[in-house]
PDB file of N, CA and C in Angstrom:
ATOM      1  N   PHE A   1      -2.633 -68.570 -22.777  1.00  0.00           N
ATOM      2  CA  PHE A   1      -3.776 -68.576 -21.879  1.00  0.00           C
ATOM      3  C   PHE A   1      -4.084 -67.190 -21.340  1.00  0.00           C
ATOM      4  N   THR A   2      -3.335 -66.185 -21.752  1.00  0.00           N
ATOM      5  CA  THR A   2      -3.637 -64.841 -21.292  1.00  0.00           C
ATOM      6  C   THR A   2      -4.393 -64.112 -22.373  1.00  0.00           C
ATOM      7  N   GLY A   3      -5.186 -63.171 -21.969  1.00  0.00           N
ATOM      8  CA  GLY A   3      -5.955 -62.401 -22.935  1.00  0.00           C
ATOM      9  C   GLY A   3      -7.340 -62.107 -22.400  1.00  0.00           C
ATOM     10  N   THR A   4      -8.191 -61.657 -23.270  1.00  0.00           N
ATOM     11  CA  THR A   4      -9.570 -61.336 -22.943  1.00  0.00           C
ATOM     12  C   THR A   4     -10.466 -62.378 -23.591  1.00  0.00           C
ATOM     13  N   TYR A   5     -11.383 -62.905 -22.835  1.00  0.00           N
ATOM     14  CA  TYR A   5     -12.306 -63.937 -23.312  1.00  0.00           C
ATOM     15  C   TYR A   5     -13.741 -63.442 -23.139  1.00  0.00           C
ATOM     16  N   LEU A   6     -14.488 -63.345 -24.215  1.00  0.00           N
ATOM     17  CA  LEU A   6     -15.891 -62.930 -24.154  1.00  0.00           C
ATOM     18  C   LEU A   6     -16.754 -64.000 -24.788  1.00  0.00           C
ATOM     19  N   VAL A   7     -17.929 -64.238 -24.209  1.00  0.00           N
ATOM     20  CA  VAL A   7     -18.909 -65.150 -24.762  1.00  0.00           C
ATOM     21  C   VAL A   7     -20.173 -64.352 -24.999  1.00  0.00           C
ATOM     22  N   SER A   8     -20.661 -64.353 -26.245  1.00  0.00           N
ATOM     23  CA  SER A   8     -21.868 -63.607 -26.600  1.00  0.00           C
ATOM     24  C   SER A   8     -22.986 -64.568 -26.972  1.00  0.00           C
ATOM     25  N   THR A   9     -24.149 -64.356 -26.367  1.00  0.00           N
ATOM     26  CA  THR A   9     -25.333 -65.171 -26.621  1.00  0.00           C
ATOM     27  C   THR A   9     -26.526 -64.212 -26.796  1.00  0.00           C
ATOM     28  N   THR A  10     -27.691 -64.790 -27.021  1.00  0.00           N
ATOM     29  CA  THR A  10     -28.905 -64.009 -27.136  1.00  0.00           C
ATOM     30  C   THR A  10     -29.878 -64.383 -26.018  1.00  0.00           C
ATOM     31  N   ASN A  11     -30.361 -63.363 -25.311  1.00  0.00           N
ATOM     32  CA  ASN A  11     -31.342 -63.567 -24.245  1.00  0.00           C
ATOM     33  C   ASN A  11     -32.695 -63.968 -24.834  1.00  0.00           C
ATOM     34  N   PRO A  12     -33.576 -64.548 -24.007  1.00  0.00           N
ATOM     35  CA  PRO A  12     -34.898 -64.958 -24.491  1.00  0.00           C
ATOM     36  C   PRO A  12     -35.709 -63.834 -25.133  1.00  0.00           C
ATOM     37  N   ASP A  13     -35.478 -62.574 -24.710  1.00  0.00           N
ATOM     38  CA  ASP A  13     -36.228 -61.466 -25.293  1.00  0.00           C
ATOM     39  C   ASP A  13     -35.557 -60.903 -26.556  1.00  0.00           C
ATOM     40  N   GLY A  14     -34.477 -61.561 -27.027  1.00  0.00           N
ATOM     41  CA  GLY A  14     -33.795 -61.144 -28.244  1.00  0.00           C
ATOM     42  C   GLY A  14     -32.670 -60.151 -28.042  1.00  0.00           C
ATOM     43  N   THR A  15     -32.434 -59.699 -26.825  1.00  0.00           N
ATOM     44  CA  THR A  15     -31.359 -58.758 -26.556  1.00  0.00           C
ATOM     45  C   THR A  15     -30.028 -59.507 -26.430  1.00  0.00           C
ATOM     46  N   PRO A  16     -28.928 -58.822 -26.696  1.00  0.00           N
ATOM     47  CA  PRO A  16     -27.619 -59.480 -26.594  1.00  0.00           C
ATOM     48  C   PRO A  16     -27.181 -59.671 -25.146  1.00  0.00           C
ATOM     49  N   ASN A  17     -26.371 -60.686 -24.943  1.00  0.00           N
ATOM     50  CA  ASN A  17     -25.783 -60.977 -23.633  1.00  0.00           C
ATOM     51  C   ASN A  17     -24.322 -61.276 -23.885  1.00  0.00           C
ATOM     52  N   THR A  18     -23.438 -60.542 -23.230  1.00  0.00           N
ATOM     53  CA  THR A  18     -22.007 -60.781 -23.346  1.00  0.00           C
ATOM     54  C   THR A  18     -21.409 -60.905 -21.959  1.00  0.00           C
ATOM     55  N   ALA A  19     -20.584 -61.934 -21.780  1.00  0.00           N
ATOM     56  CA  ALA A  19     -19.996 -62.182 -20.473  1.00  0.00           C
ATOM     57  C   ALA A  19     -18.512 -62.520 -20.632  1.00  0.00           C
ATOM     58  N   PHE A  20     -17.747 -62.184 -19.602  1.00  0.00           N
ATOM     59  CA  PHE A  20     -16.350 -62.599 -19.548  1.00  0.00           C
ATOM     60  C   PHE A  20     -16.308 -64.019 -18.982  1.00  0.00           C
ATOM     61  N   LEU A  21     -16.057 -64.998 -19.831  1.00  0.00           N
ATOM     62  CA  LEU A  21     -15.920 -66.385 -19.417  1.00  0.00           C
ATOM     63  C   LEU A  21     -14.727 -66.965 -20.162  1.00  0.00           C
ATOM     64  N   VAL A  22     -13.872 -67.655 -19.450  1.00  0.00           N
ATOM     65  CA  VAL A  22     -12.749 -68.324 -20.110  1.00  0.00           C
ATOM     66  C   VAL A  22     -13.278 -69.577 -20.795  1.00  0.00           C
ATOM     67  N   PHE A  23     -12.914 -69.734 -22.048  1.00  0.00           N
ATOM     68  CA  PHE A  23     -13.303 -70.912 -22.810  1.00  0.00           C
ATOM     69  C   PHE A  23     -12.038 -71.570 -23.329  1.00  0.00           C
ATOM     70  N   SER A  24     -12.170 -72.767 -23.828  1.00  0.00           N
ATOM     71  CA  SER A  24     -11.007 -73.416 -24.430  1.00  0.00           C
ATOM     72  C   SER A  24     -11.388 -74.092 -25.721  1.00  0.00           C
ATOM     73  N   MET A  25     -10.389 -74.364 -26.527  1.00  0.00           N
ATOM     74  CA  MET A  25     -10.583 -75.049 -27.805  1.00  0.00           C
ATOM     75  C   MET A  25      -9.994 -76.453 -27.658  1.00  0.00           C
ATOM     76  N   VAL A  26     -10.704 -77.421 -28.238  1.00  0.00           N
ATOM     77  CA  VAL A  26     -10.263 -78.808 -28.221  1.00  0.00           C
ATOM     78  C   VAL A  26     -10.180 -79.284 -29.662  1.00  0.00           C
ATOM     79  N   LYS A  27      -9.045 -79.849 -30.046  1.00  0.00           N
ATOM     80  CA  LYS A  27      -8.883 -80.361 -31.402  1.00  0.00           C
ATOM     81  C   LYS A  27      -9.097 -81.876 -31.387  1.00  0.00           C
ATOM     82  N   HIS A  28      -9.930 -82.332 -32.320  1.00  0.00           N
ATOM     83  CA  HIS A  28     -10.208 -83.764 -32.434  1.00  0.00           C
ATOM     84  C   HIS A  28     -10.372 -84.085 -33.916  1.00  0.00           C
ATOM     85  N   GLU A  29      -9.546 -84.999 -34.406  1.00  0.00           N
ATOM     86  CA  GLU A  29      -9.590 -85.406 -35.810  1.00  0.00           C
ATOM     87  C   GLU A  29      -9.616 -84.211 -36.781  1.00  0.00           C
ATOM     88  N   ASP A  30      -8.683 -83.303 -36.616  1.00  0.00           N
ATOM     89  CA  ASP A  30      -8.506 -82.131 -37.474  1.00  0.00           C
ATOM     90  C   ASP A  30      -9.685 -81.164 -37.465  1.00  0.00           C
ATOM     91  N   LYS A  31     -10.493 -81.201 -36.427  1.00  0.00           N
ATOM     92  CA  LYS A  31     -11.611 -80.275 -36.283  1.00  0.00           C
ATOM     93  C   LYS A  31     -11.533 -79.672 -34.880  1.00  0.00           C
ATOM     94  N   TYR A  32     -11.926 -78.386 -34.762  1.00  0.00           N
ATOM     95  CA  TYR A  32     -11.887 -77.720 -33.470  1.00  0.00           C
ATOM     96  C   TYR A  32     -13.281 -77.605 -32.868  1.00  0.00           C
ATOM     97  N   TYR A  33     -13.324 -77.761 -31.541  1.00  0.00           N
ATOM     98  CA  TYR A  33     -14.557 -77.644 -30.768  1.00  0.00           C
ATOM     99  C   TYR A  33     -14.296 -76.672 -29.620  1.00  0.00           C
ATOM    100  N   LEU A  34     -15.333 -76.002 -29.224  1.00  0.00           N
ATOM    101  CA  LEU A  34     -15.263 -75.027 -28.138  1.00  0.00           C
ATOM    102  C   LEU A  34     -15.790 -75.681 -26.859  1.00  0.00           C
ATOM    103  N   MET A  35     -15.070 -75.479 -25.749  1.00  0.00           N
ATOM    104  CA  MET A  35     -15.533 -75.984 -24.462  1.00  0.00           C
ATOM    105  C   MET A  35     -15.758 -74.792 -23.547  1.00  0.00           C
ATOM    106  N   ILE A  36     -16.942 -74.736 -22.950  1.00  0.00           N
ATOM    107  CA  ILE A  36     -17.276 -73.674 -21.995  1.00  0.00           C
ATOM    108  C   ILE A  36     -17.745 -74.330 -20.718  1.00  0.00           C
ATOM    109  N   GLY A  37     -17.143 -73.921 -19.616  1.00  0.00           N
ATOM    110  CA  GLY A  37     -17.598 -74.338 -18.296  1.00  0.00           C
ATOM    111  C   GLY A  37     -18.096 -73.089 -17.593  1.00  0.00           C
ATOM    112  N   SER A  38     -19.305 -73.142 -17.089  1.00  0.00           N
ATOM    113  CA  SER A  38     -19.883 -71.942 -16.505  1.00  0.00           C
ATOM    114  C   SER A  38     -20.767 -72.292 -15.317  1.00  0.00           C
ATOM    115  N   ALA A  39     -20.811 -71.404 -14.370  1.00  0.00           N
ATOM    116  CA  ALA A  39     -21.769 -71.527 -13.265  1.00  0.00           C
ATOM    117  C   ALA A  39     -23.166 -71.273 -13.836  1.00  0.00           C
ATOM    118  N   GLU A  40     -24.168 -71.527 -13.038  1.00  0.00           N
ATOM    119  CA  GLU A  40     -25.537 -71.243 -13.457  1.00  0.00           C
ATOM    120  C   GLU A  40     -25.719 -69.731 -13.559  1.00  0.00           C
ATOM    121  N   ASN A  41     -25.916 -69.242 -14.758  1.00  0.00           N
ATOM    122  CA  ASN A  41     -26.128 -67.810 -14.981  1.00  0.00           C
ATOM    123  C   ASN A  41     -26.888 -67.628 -16.292  1.00  0.00           C
ATOM    124  N   GLN A  42     -27.145 -66.393 -16.671  1.00  0.00           N
ATOM    125  CA  GLN A  42     -27.933 -66.137 -17.877  1.00  0.00           C
ATOM    126  C   GLN A  42     -27.235 -66.615 -19.138  1.00  0.00           C
ATOM    127  N   THR A  43     -25.922 -66.481 -19.206  1.00  0.00           N
ATOM    128  CA  THR A  43     -25.189 -66.940 -20.379  1.00  0.00           C
ATOM    129  C   THR A  43     -25.336 -68.454 -20.563  1.00  0.00           C
ATOM    130  N   LYS A  44     -25.175 -69.205 -19.473  1.00  0.00           N
ATOM    131  CA  LYS A  44     -25.322 -70.661 -19.556  1.00  0.00           C
ATOM    132  C   LYS A  44     -26.754 -71.020 -19.936  1.00  0.00           C
ATOM    133  N   ALA A  45     -27.733 -70.326 -19.361  1.00  0.00           N
ATOM    134  CA  ALA A  45     -29.139 -70.591 -19.713  1.00  0.00           C
ATOM    135  C   ALA A  45     -29.377 -70.353 -21.205  1.00  0.00           C
ATOM    136  N   ASN A  46     -28.796 -69.271 -21.742  1.00  0.00           N
ATOM    137  CA  ASN A  46     -28.936 -68.988 -23.175  1.00  0.00           C
ATOM    138  C   ASN A  46     -28.292 -70.073 -24.021  1.00  0.00           C
ATOM    139  N   LEU A  47     -27.105 -70.537 -23.613  1.00  0.00           N
ATOM    140  CA  LEU A  47     -26.413 -71.594 -24.367  1.00  0.00           C
ATOM    141  C   LEU A  47     -27.229 -72.871 -24.379  1.00  0.00           C
ATOM    142  N   LEU A  48     -27.836 -73.209 -23.251  1.00  0.00           N
ATOM    143  CA  LEU A  48     -28.650 -74.422 -23.185  1.00  0.00           C
ATOM    144  C   LEU A  48     -29.956 -74.272 -23.956  1.00  0.00           C
ATOM    145  N   ALA A  49     -30.489 -73.051 -23.989  1.00  0.00           N
ATOM    146  CA  ALA A  49     -31.777 -72.813 -24.653  1.00  0.00           C
ATOM    147  C   ALA A  49     -31.653 -72.777 -26.180  1.00  0.00           C
ATOM    148  N   ASN A  50     -30.646 -72.035 -26.691  1.00  0.00           N
ATOM    149  CA  ASN A  50     -30.589 -71.909 -28.159  1.00  0.00           C
ATOM    150  C   ASN A  50     -29.320 -72.492 -28.777  1.00  0.00           C
ATOM    151  N   GLY A  51     -28.349 -72.870 -27.961  1.00  0.00           N
ATOM    152  CA  GLY A  51     -27.204 -73.633 -28.443  1.00  0.00           C
ATOM    153  C   GLY A  51     -26.270 -72.953 -29.431  1.00  0.00           C
ATOM    154  N   GLU A  52     -26.280 -71.629 -29.461  1.00  0.00           N
ATOM    155  CA  GLU A  52     -25.357 -70.984 -30.382  1.00  0.00           C
ATOM    156  C   GLU A  52     -24.922 -69.632 -29.851  1.00  0.00           C
ATOM    157  N   GLY A  53     -23.853 -69.136 -30.417  1.00  0.00           N
ATOM    158  CA  GLY A  53     -23.342 -67.837 -30.008  1.00  0.00           C
ATOM    159  C   GLY A  53     -22.020 -67.542 -30.691  1.00  0.00           C
ATOM    160  N   MET A  54     -21.297 -66.611 -30.117  1.00  0.00           N
ATOM    161  CA  MET A  54     -19.993 -66.221 -30.625  1.00  0.00           C
ATOM    162  C   MET A  54     -19.084 -65.934 -29.440  1.00  0.00           C
ATOM    163  N   VAL A  55     -17.827 -66.374 -29.555  1.00  0.00           N
ATOM    164  CA  VAL A  55     -16.840 -66.004 -28.558  1.00  0.00           C
ATOM    165  C   VAL A  55     -15.809 -65.124 -29.227  1.00  0.00           C
ATOM    166  N   VAL A  56     -15.171 -64.297 -28.408  1.00  0.00           N
ATOM    167  CA  VAL A  56     -14.107 -63.431 -28.880  1.00  0.00           C
ATOM    168  C   VAL A  56     -12.907 -63.632 -27.976  1.00  0.00           C
ATOM    169  N   TYR A  57     -11.764 -63.884 -28.600  1.00  0.00           N
ATOM    170  CA  TYR A  57     -10.509 -63.940 -27.873  1.00  0.00           C
ATOM    171  C   TYR A  57      -9.658 -62.763 -28.295  1.00  0.00           C
ATOM    172  N   GLY A  58      -9.225 -61.967 -27.341  1.00  0.00           N
ATOM    173  CA  GLY A  58      -8.328 -60.846 -27.615  1.00  0.00           C
ATOM    174  C   GLY A  58      -6.979 -61.117 -26.971  1.00  0.00           C
ATOM    175  N   ALA A  59      -5.937 -61.256 -27.780  1.00  0.00           N
ATOM    176  CA  ALA A  59      -4.603 -61.558 -27.269  1.00  0.00           C
ATOM    177  C   ALA A  59      -4.017 -60.342 -26.564  1.00  0.00           C
ATOM    178  N   ASN A  60      -3.402 -60.568 -25.412  1.00  0.00           N
ATOM    179  CA  ASN A  60      -2.738 -59.470 -24.726  1.00  0.00           C
ATOM    180  C   ASN A  60      -1.581 -58.955 -25.587  1.00  0.00           C
ATOM    181  N   PRO A  61      -1.368 -57.640 -25.583  1.00  0.00           N
ATOM    182  CA  PRO A  61      -0.251 -57.091 -26.358  1.00  0.00           C
ATOM    183  C   PRO A  61       1.086 -57.471 -25.730  1.00  0.00           C
ATOM    184  N   ALA A  62       2.125 -57.442 -26.539  1.00  0.00           N
ATOM    185  CA  ALA A  62       3.476 -57.687 -26.022  1.00  0.00           C
ATOM    186  C   ALA A  62       3.835 -56.611 -25.006  1.00  0.00           C
ATOM    187  N   ALA A  63       4.704 -56.957 -24.087  1.00  0.00           N
ATOM    188  CA  ALA A  63       5.107 -56.014 -23.029  1.00  0.00           C
ATOM    189  C   ALA A  63       5.689 -54.726 -23.587  1.00  0.00           C
ATOM    190  N   ASP A  64       6.358 -54.790 -24.757  1.00  0.00           N
ATOM    191  CA  ASP A  64       6.972 -53.601 -25.317  1.00  0.00           C
ATOM    192  C   ASP A  64       6.076 -52.889 -26.334  1.00  0.00           C
ATOM    193  N   SER A  65       4.810 -53.264 -26.409  1.00  0.00           N
ATOM    194  CA  SER A  65       3.882 -52.667 -27.371  1.00  0.00           C
ATOM    195  C   SER A  65       3.509 -51.244 -26.966  1.00  0.00           C
ATOM    196  N   ASP A  66       3.296 -50.407 -27.975  1.00  0.00           N
ATOM    197  CA  ASP A  66       2.844 -49.042 -27.696  1.00  0.00           C
ATOM    198  C   ASP A  66       1.320 -48.980 -27.559  1.00  0.00           C
ATOM    199  N   LYS A  67       0.654 -50.122 -27.726  1.00  0.00           N
ATOM    200  CA  LYS A  67      -0.808 -50.197 -27.579  1.00  0.00           C
ATOM    201  C   LYS A  67      -1.120 -51.102 -26.392  1.00  0.00           C
ATOM    202  N   PRO A  68      -1.713 -50.543 -25.338  1.00  0.00           N
ATOM    203  CA  PRO A  68      -1.961 -51.327 -24.111  1.00  0.00           C
ATOM    204  C   PRO A  68      -3.230 -52.178 -24.145  1.00  0.00           C
ATOM    205  N   TYR A  69      -3.783 -52.400 -25.322  1.00  0.00           N
ATOM    206  CA  TYR A  69      -5.045 -53.145 -25.445  1.00  0.00           C
ATOM    207  C   TYR A  69      -4.894 -54.191 -26.547  1.00  0.00           C
ATOM    208  N   PRO A  70      -5.752 -55.210 -26.529  1.00  0.00           N
ATOM    209  CA  PRO A  70      -5.649 -56.272 -27.551  1.00  0.00           C
ATOM    210  C   PRO A  70      -5.899 -55.714 -28.955  1.00  0.00           C
ATOM    211  N   ILE A  71      -5.036 -56.078 -29.893  1.00  0.00           N
ATOM    212  CA  ILE A  71      -5.226 -55.688 -31.301  1.00  0.00           C
ATOM    213  C   ILE A  71      -5.219 -56.898 -32.215  1.00  0.00           C
ATOM    214  N   ALA A  72      -5.158 -58.084 -31.618  1.00  0.00           N
ATOM    215  CA  ALA A  72      -5.187 -59.319 -32.394  1.00  0.00           C
ATOM    216  C   ALA A  72      -6.003 -60.348 -31.640  1.00  0.00           C
ATOM    217  N   GLY A  73      -6.580 -61.271 -32.376  1.00  0.00           N
ATOM    218  CA  GLY A  73      -7.379 -62.314 -31.755  1.00  0.00           C
ATOM    219  C   GLY A  73      -8.303 -62.944 -32.764  1.00  0.00           C
ATOM    220  N   ALA A  74      -9.407 -63.484 -32.278  1.00  0.00           N
ATOM    221  CA  ALA A  74     -10.345 -64.182 -33.165  1.00  0.00           C
ATOM    222  C   ALA A  74     -11.781 -64.062 -32.668  1.00  0.00           C
ATOM    223  N   ARG A  75     -12.690 -64.032 -33.642  1.00  0.00           N
ATOM    224  CA  ARG A  75     -14.128 -64.159 -33.366  1.00  0.00           C
ATOM    225  C   ARG A  75     -14.506 -65.546 -33.841  1.00  0.00           C
ATOM    226  N   ILE A  76     -15.174 -66.305 -32.988  1.00  0.00           N
ATOM    227  CA  ILE A  76     -15.473 -67.707 -33.285  1.00  0.00           C
ATOM    228  C   ILE A  76     -16.962 -67.953 -33.077  1.00  0.00           C
ATOM    229  N   TRP A  77     -17.666 -68.313 -34.157  1.00  0.00           N
ATOM    230  CA  TRP A  77     -19.088 -68.634 -34.071  1.00  0.00           C
ATOM    231  C   TRP A  77     -19.211 -70.123 -33.802  1.00  0.00           C
ATOM    232  N   PHE A  78     -20.259 -70.497 -33.064  1.00  0.00           N
ATOM    233  CA  PHE A  78     -20.412 -71.889 -32.692  1.00  0.00           C
ATOM    234  C   PHE A  78     -21.882 -72.282 -32.575  1.00  0.00           C
ATOM    235  N   LYS A  79     -22.102 -73.620 -32.610  1.00  0.00           N
ATOM    236  CA  LYS A  79     -23.447 -74.173 -32.376  1.00  0.00           C
ATOM    237  C   LYS A  79     -23.295 -75.415 -31.506  1.00  0.00           C
ATOM    238  N   ALA A  80     -24.371 -75.780 -30.841  1.00  0.00           N
ATOM    239  CA  ALA A  80     -24.341 -76.909 -29.899  1.00  0.00           C
ATOM    240  C   ALA A  80     -23.883 -78.199 -30.570  1.00  0.00           C
ATOM    241  N   LEU A  81     -23.100 -78.964 -29.847  1.00  0.00           N
ATOM    242  CA  LEU A  81     -22.666 -80.280 -30.296  1.00  0.00           C
ATOM    243  C   LEU A  81     -23.752 -81.275 -29.913  1.00  0.00           C
ATOM    244  N   GLU A  82     -24.316 -81.928 -30.884  1.00  0.00           N
ATOM    245  CA  GLU A  82     -25.428 -82.855 -30.646  1.00  0.00           C
ATOM    246  C   GLU A  82     -24.969 -84.265 -30.246  1.00  0.00           C
ATOM    247  N   ASP A  83     -23.743 -84.633 -30.555  1.00  0.00           N
ATOM    248  CA  ASP A  83     -23.225 -85.980 -30.336  1.00  0.00           C
ATOM    249  C   ASP A  83     -22.671 -86.116 -28.908  1.00  0.00           C
ATOM    250  N   ALA A  84     -23.449 -86.738 -28.013  1.00  0.00           N
ATOM    251  CA  ALA A  84     -23.064 -86.871 -26.608  1.00  0.00           C
ATOM    252  C   ALA A  84     -21.797 -87.706 -26.440  1.00  0.00           C
ATOM    253  N   SER A  85     -21.623 -88.738 -27.258  1.00  0.00           N
ATOM    254  CA  SER A  85     -20.418 -89.569 -27.134  1.00  0.00           C
ATOM    255  C   SER A  85     -19.175 -88.802 -27.559  1.00  0.00           C
ATOM    256  N   LEU A  86     -19.305 -87.930 -28.548  1.00  0.00           N
ATOM    257  CA  LEU A  86     -18.177 -87.094 -28.943  1.00  0.00           C
ATOM    258  C   LEU A  86     -17.850 -86.101 -27.834  1.00  0.00           C
ATOM    259  N   ALA A  87     -18.860 -85.529 -27.201  1.00  0.00           N
ATOM    260  CA  ALA A  87     -18.638 -84.610 -26.071  1.00  0.00           C
ATOM    261  C   ALA A  87     -17.858 -85.308 -24.955  1.00  0.00           C
ATOM    262  N   GLU A  88     -18.171 -86.561 -24.676  1.00  0.00           N
ATOM    263  CA  GLU A  88     -17.432 -87.330 -23.681  1.00  0.00           C
ATOM    264  C   GLU A  88     -15.973 -87.471 -24.087  1.00  0.00           C
ATOM    265  N   THR A  89     -15.750 -87.776 -25.343  1.00  0.00           N
ATOM    266  CA  THR A  89     -14.392 -87.918 -25.873  1.00  0.00           C
ATOM    267  C   THR A  89     -13.619 -86.606 -25.760  1.00  0.00           C
ATOM    268  N   LEU A  90     -14.290 -85.492 -26.030  1.00  0.00           N
ATOM    269  CA  LEU A  90     -13.638 -84.186 -25.997  1.00  0.00           C
ATOM    270  C   LEU A  90     -13.322 -83.715 -24.572  1.00  0.00           C
ATOM    271  N   ASN A  91     -14.041 -84.230 -23.595  1.00  0.00           N
ATOM    272  CA  ASN A  91     -13.884 -83.781 -22.217  1.00  0.00           C
ATOM    273  C   ASN A  91     -12.692 -84.485 -21.576  1.00  0.00           C
ATOM    274  N   THR A  92     -11.501 -84.209 -22.099  1.00  0.00           N
ATOM    275  CA  THR A  92     -10.276 -84.859 -21.626  1.00  0.00           C
ATOM    276  C   THR A  92      -9.914 -84.440 -20.215  1.00  0.00           C
ATOM    277  N   SER A  93     -10.370 -83.282 -19.764  1.00  0.00           N
ATOM    278  CA  SER A  93     -10.086 -82.828 -18.410  1.00  0.00           C
ATOM    279  C   SER A  93     -11.080 -83.393 -17.409  1.00  0.00           C
ATOM    280  N   GLY A  94     -12.136 -84.073 -17.892  1.00  0.00           N
ATOM    281  CA  GLY A  94     -13.132 -84.651 -17.006  1.00  0.00           C
ATOM    282  C   GLY A  94     -13.953 -83.610 -16.257  1.00  0.00           C
ATOM    283  N   ARG A  95     -14.049 -82.446 -16.842  1.00  0.00           N
ATOM    284  CA  ARG A  95     -14.776 -81.359 -16.158  1.00  0.00           C
ATOM    285  C   ARG A  95     -16.286 -81.633 -16.171  1.00  0.00           C
ATOM    286  N   PRO A  96     -16.891 -81.787 -14.987  1.00  0.00           N
ATOM    287  CA  PRO A  96     -18.339 -82.034 -14.954  1.00  0.00           C
ATOM    288  C   PRO A  96     -19.105 -80.781 -15.409  1.00  0.00           C
ATOM    289  N   GLY A  97     -20.127 -81.002 -16.207  1.00  0.00           N
ATOM    290  CA  GLY A  97     -20.968 -79.893 -16.653  1.00  0.00           C
ATOM    291  C   GLY A  97     -20.393 -79.078 -17.808  1.00  0.00           C
ATOM    292  N   ALA A  98     -19.253 -79.495 -18.350  1.00  0.00           N
ATOM    293  CA  ALA A  98     -18.656 -78.751 -19.468  1.00  0.00           C
ATOM    294  C   ALA A  98     -19.591 -78.841 -20.668  1.00  0.00           C
ATOM    295  N   LEU A  99     -19.736 -77.729 -21.375  1.00  0.00           N
ATOM    296  CA  LEU A  99     -20.562 -77.670 -22.581  1.00  0.00           C
ATOM    297  C   LEU A  99     -19.639 -77.639 -23.798  1.00  0.00           C
ATOM    298  N   PHE A 100     -19.977 -78.401 -24.845  1.00  0.00           N
ATOM    299  CA  PHE A 100     -19.159 -78.475 -26.045  1.00  0.00           C
ATOM    300  C   PHE A 100     -19.955 -78.009 -27.262  1.00  0.00           C
ATOM    301  N   PHE A 101     -19.251 -77.314 -28.149  1.00  0.00           N
ATOM    302  CA  PHE A 101     -19.881 -76.715 -29.324  1.00  0.00           C
ATOM    303  C   PHE A 101     -19.013 -76.926 -30.552  1.00  0.00           C
ATOM    304  N   GLU A 102     -19.678 -77.055 -31.706  1.00  0.00           N
ATOM    305  CA  GLU A 102     -18.971 -77.135 -32.979  1.00  0.00           C
ATOM    306  C   GLU A 102     -18.616 -75.720 -33.419  1.00  0.00           C
ATOM    307  N   VAL A 103     -17.405 -75.509 -33.885  1.00  0.00           N
ATOM    308  CA  VAL A 103     -17.003 -74.234 -34.437  1.00  0.00           C
ATOM    309  C   VAL A 103     -17.531 -74.144 -35.860  1.00  0.00           C
ATOM    310  N   THR A 104     -18.287 -73.091 -36.171  1.00  0.00           N
ATOM    311  CA  THR A 104     -18.879 -72.949 -37.500  1.00  0.00           C
ATOM    312  C   THR A 104     -18.188 -71.902 -38.351  1.00  0.00           C
ATOM    313  N   ALA A 105     -17.504 -70.948 -37.734  1.00  0.00           N
ATOM    314  CA  ALA A 105     -16.771 -69.930 -38.501  1.00  0.00           C
ATOM    315  C   ALA A 105     -15.756 -69.268 -37.578  1.00  0.00           C
ATOM    316  N   VAL A 106     -14.661 -68.825 -38.163  1.00  0.00           N
ATOM    317  CA  VAL A 106     -13.607 -68.111 -37.417  1.00  0.00           C
ATOM    318  C   VAL A 106     -13.175 -66.909 -38.258  1.00  0.00           C
ATOM    319  N   ARG A 107     -13.116 -65.753 -37.653  1.00  0.00           N
ATOM    320  CA  ARG A 107     -12.641 -64.538 -38.323  1.00  0.00           C
ATOM    321  C   ARG A 107     -11.642 -63.855 -37.407  1.00  0.00           C
ATOM    322  N   SER A 108     -10.593 -63.308 -37.967  1.00  0.00           N
ATOM    323  CA  SER A 108      -9.573 -62.663 -37.165  1.00  0.00           C
ATOM    324  C   SER A 108     -10.058 -61.307 -36.641  1.00  0.00           C
ATOM    325  N   VAL A 109      -9.453 -60.881 -35.582  1.00  0.00           N
ATOM    326  CA  VAL A 109      -9.677 -59.555 -35.003  1.00  0.00           C
ATOM    327  C   VAL A 109      -8.407 -58.765 -35.205  1.00  0.00           C
ATOM    328  N   GLY A 110      -8.510 -57.540 -35.599  1.00  0.00           N
ATOM    329  CA  GLY A 110      -7.336 -56.702 -35.741  1.00  0.00           C
ATOM    330  C   GLY A 110      -6.887 -56.544 -37.170  1.00  0.00           C
TER     331      GLY A 110
END
């Protein structure tokens, strides 16, 4: 649960938007879904408007590492989950307002 969490979306004018938001992954029937809980802000508005983006997870380096910055992690592309009943099933924490997305691609960082 430690590391750097970034969520990247596109603003209405086409410019990029990147925010530090903690996200989580939920596994259901051998498939992974992304869960994002966010206050009302531009990133959440972008997610609701166009339903897609990319998150980046950067793992914290080991305490004995000679590199004080993340050198491993993942880039995860996603799109809005259309199935409301599946979103309910995925919301095991019962978090109100949680947004769920299908993972469409994963690439390693580092």
